Structures are given as C-alpha cells and as structure tokens.
Amino acid sequence: MSQKFQVSGMSCDHCAGLVKGAVETIDPSAQVTVDLESGHVDVVSEHPRQDIIAAIENAGYRAA
C-alpha cells in the first residue's frame, strides 16, 4: 500500500538517504521516494504507518 509522509529536518541528499535507509531497515522491500524540496516521503510498504513513522523518527527526523 502507498503511504505519504511529511518529514521535517531533511536538508540534503545525505538526510534523504538516512530516511530511506531507516524505512528499508524495517522493510527491505519497501519502495521509498524522497522529495527534499517539499519534505514529502512516499513509501510503498505493507508495514503499519506507525512503524514507518517510528523508524523515521528514530533516524532523527519528524514524520507525520
């Protein structure tokens, strides 16, 4: 299922990579697309939304 998140605190490609890696840690098969300019992160995964938010926040970013 496709899920959209607003992530704050990302400012560069390294940040985007950390967010993508955090999601892939809990779901290696997830498709993650990060748009730095808007702060949007699109995730295709069957994992619950709260698990994905927790993974992003554990990486040091705010997700909603």
N, C-alpha and C. Protein backbone atom coordinates (compact mmCIF):
# COMPACT_ATOMS: atom_id res chain seq x y z
N MET A 1 0.84 -1.17 0.00
CA MET A 1 0.00 0.00 0.00
C MET A 1 0.88 1.24 0.00
N SER A 2 0.43 2.26 -0.67
CA SER A 2 1.18 3.51 -0.78
C SER A 2 0.81 4.42 0.38
N GLN A 3 1.84 4.98 1.01
CA GLN A 3 1.63 5.88 2.14
C GLN A 3 2.47 7.13 1.93
N LYS A 4 1.93 8.28 2.34
CA LYS A 4 2.64 9.55 2.20
C LYS A 4 2.93 10.10 3.59
N PHE A 5 4.12 10.68 3.72
CA PHE A 5 4.54 11.26 4.99
C PHE A 5 5.12 12.64 4.74
N GLN A 6 4.93 13.53 5.69
CA GLN A 6 5.60 14.83 5.68
C GLN A 6 6.74 14.71 6.69
N VAL A 7 7.97 14.87 6.21
CA VAL A 7 9.13 14.70 7.07
C VAL A 7 9.87 16.02 7.16
N SER A 8 10.13 16.47 8.37
CA SER A 8 10.88 17.72 8.55
C SER A 8 12.27 17.42 9.09
N GLY A 9 13.18 18.31 8.79
CA GLY A 9 14.56 18.17 9.26
C GLY A 9 15.51 17.69 8.18
N MET A 10 15.01 17.34 7.01
CA MET A 10 15.88 16.90 5.92
C MET A 10 16.37 18.13 5.16
N SER A 11 17.67 18.20 4.93
CA SER A 11 18.20 19.36 4.22
C SER A 11 19.14 19.01 3.07
N CYS A 12 19.47 17.73 2.91
CA CYS A 12 20.43 17.36 1.86
C CYS A 12 20.19 15.91 1.42
N ASP A 13 20.96 15.49 0.41
CA ASP A 13 20.83 14.12 -0.08
C ASP A 13 21.20 13.10 0.99
N HIS A 14 22.15 13.46 1.84
CA HIS A 14 22.53 12.54 2.93
C HIS A 14 21.33 12.29 3.85
N CYS A 15 20.63 13.36 4.19
CA CYS A 15 19.43 13.23 5.03
C CYS A 15 18.39 12.33 4.36
N ALA A 16 18.18 12.55 3.07
CA ALA A 16 17.22 11.73 2.33
C ALA A 16 17.63 10.27 2.37
N GLY A 17 18.92 10.01 2.24
CA GLY A 17 19.42 8.64 2.29
C GLY A 17 19.21 8.00 3.66
N LEU A 18 19.36 8.79 4.71
CA LEU A 18 19.13 8.26 6.06
C LEU A 18 17.67 7.89 6.27
N VAL A 19 16.77 8.74 5.78
CA VAL A 19 15.34 8.46 5.91
C VAL A 19 14.99 7.20 5.11
N LYS A 20 15.48 7.14 3.88
CA LYS A 20 15.22 5.97 3.04
C LYS A 20 15.77 4.71 3.71
N GLY A 21 16.97 4.78 4.23
CA GLY A 21 17.58 3.64 4.89
C GLY A 21 16.83 3.21 6.14
N ALA A 22 16.30 4.19 6.87
CA ALA A 22 15.54 3.87 8.08
C ALA A 22 14.29 3.06 7.75
N VAL A 23 13.61 3.46 6.68
CA VAL A 23 12.41 2.72 6.27
C VAL A 23 12.80 1.33 5.77
N GLU A 24 13.85 1.26 4.99
CA GLU A 24 14.28 -0.02 4.44
C GLU A 24 14.80 -0.98 5.51
N THR A 25 15.19 -0.44 6.66
CA THR A 25 15.63 -1.29 7.77
C THR A 25 14.47 -2.14 8.29
N ILE A 26 13.28 -1.54 8.35
CA ILE A 26 12.13 -2.31 8.84
C ILE A 26 11.43 -3.07 7.72
N ASP A 27 11.63 -2.63 6.46
CA ASP A 27 11.03 -3.31 5.31
C ASP A 27 11.97 -3.20 4.12
N PRO A 28 12.89 -4.16 3.97
CA PRO A 28 13.87 -4.10 2.89
C PRO A 28 13.25 -4.05 1.48
N SER A 29 12.02 -4.48 1.33
CA SER A 29 11.39 -4.47 0.01
C SER A 29 10.57 -3.20 -0.24
N ALA A 30 10.58 -2.26 0.71
CA ALA A 30 9.81 -1.02 0.56
C ALA A 30 10.36 -0.19 -0.60
N GLN A 31 9.45 0.48 -1.28
CA GLN A 31 9.84 1.46 -2.30
C GLN A 31 9.70 2.83 -1.66
N VAL A 32 10.81 3.55 -1.55
CA VAL A 32 10.82 4.83 -0.85
C VAL A 32 11.27 5.92 -1.81
N THR A 33 10.46 6.97 -1.92
CA THR A 33 10.79 8.13 -2.75
C THR A 33 10.78 9.36 -1.85
N VAL A 34 11.91 10.08 -1.85
CA VAL A 34 12.05 11.27 -1.01
C VAL A 34 12.13 12.50 -1.90
N ASP A 35 11.30 13.50 -1.60
CA ASP A 35 11.35 14.79 -2.27
C ASP A 35 11.84 15.81 -1.25
N LEU A 36 13.14 16.14 -1.32
CA LEU A 36 13.73 17.05 -0.34
C LEU A 36 13.06 18.41 -0.32
N GLU A 37 12.77 18.94 -1.49
CA GLU A 37 12.23 20.29 -1.59
C GLU A 37 10.91 20.43 -0.82
N SER A 38 10.03 19.46 -0.97
CA SER A 38 8.72 19.54 -0.32
C SER A 38 8.70 18.85 1.05
N GLY A 39 9.68 17.98 1.30
CA GLY A 39 9.69 17.22 2.55
C GLY A 39 8.78 16.01 2.52
N HIS A 40 8.27 15.68 1.33
CA HIS A 40 7.37 14.53 1.21
C HIS A 40 8.17 13.24 1.02
N VAL A 41 7.72 12.21 1.69
CA VAL A 41 8.29 10.88 1.53
C VAL A 41 7.15 9.93 1.20
N ASP A 42 7.25 9.28 0.06
CA ASP A 42 6.26 8.31 -0.37
C ASP A 42 6.83 6.91 -0.15
N VAL A 43 6.05 6.07 0.50
CA VAL A 43 6.51 4.73 0.83
C VAL A 43 5.47 3.71 0.36
N VAL A 44 5.92 2.73 -0.39
CA VAL A 44 5.06 1.60 -0.76
C VAL A 44 5.52 0.44 0.11
N SER A 45 4.67 0.09 1.07
CA SER A 45 5.01 -0.95 2.05
C SER A 45 3.73 -1.44 2.71
N GLU A 46 3.77 -2.68 3.16
CA GLU A 46 2.64 -3.24 3.89
C GLU A 46 2.79 -3.02 5.40
N HIS A 47 3.91 -2.44 5.83
CA HIS A 47 4.12 -2.19 7.26
C HIS A 47 3.16 -1.11 7.75
N PRO A 48 2.74 -1.20 9.00
CA PRO A 48 1.84 -0.19 9.56
C PRO A 48 2.47 1.21 9.55
N ARG A 49 1.65 2.20 9.33
CA ARG A 49 2.09 3.60 9.28
C ARG A 49 2.90 3.99 10.50
N GLN A 50 2.44 3.58 11.67
CA GLN A 50 3.14 3.95 12.91
C GLN A 50 4.55 3.38 12.97
N ASP A 51 4.77 2.19 12.42
CA ASP A 51 6.11 1.60 12.40
C ASP A 51 7.04 2.41 11.50
N ILE A 52 6.52 2.88 10.39
CA ILE A 52 7.34 3.68 9.47
C ILE A 52 7.66 5.03 10.10
N ILE A 53 6.68 5.65 10.73
CA ILE A 53 6.92 6.92 11.42
C ILE A 53 7.98 6.73 12.51
N ALA A 54 7.88 5.66 13.27
CA ALA A 54 8.85 5.40 14.34
C ALA A 54 10.25 5.23 13.77
N ALA A 55 10.38 4.53 12.66
CA ALA A 55 11.70 4.32 12.04
C ALA A 55 12.29 5.65 11.59
N ILE A 56 11.48 6.51 10.98
CA ILE A 56 11.96 7.82 10.52
C ILE A 56 12.36 8.67 11.72
N GLU A 57 11.55 8.66 12.76
CA GLU A 57 11.86 9.47 13.94
C GLU A 57 13.07 8.94 14.69
N ASN A 58 13.28 7.64 14.68
CA ASN A 58 14.48 7.07 15.30
C ASN A 58 15.75 7.47 14.55
N ALA A 59 15.59 7.83 13.28
CA ALA A 59 16.72 8.31 12.49
C ALA A 59 17.00 9.80 12.74
N GLY A 60 16.13 10.44 13.52
CA GLY A 60 16.37 11.84 13.90
C GLY A 60 15.53 12.87 13.18
N TYR A 61 14.47 12.44 12.53
CA TYR A 61 13.62 13.37 11.78
C TYR A 61 12.20 13.30 12.31
N ARG A 62 11.41 14.33 12.02
CA ARG A 62 10.00 14.34 12.43
C ARG A 62 9.15 13.90 11.26
N ALA A 63 8.21 13.02 11.54
CA ALA A 63 7.35 12.50 10.48
C ALA A 63 5.90 12.58 10.90
N ALA A 64 5.05 12.90 9.94
CA ALA A 64 3.61 12.94 10.19
C ALA A 64 2.89 12.43 8.97
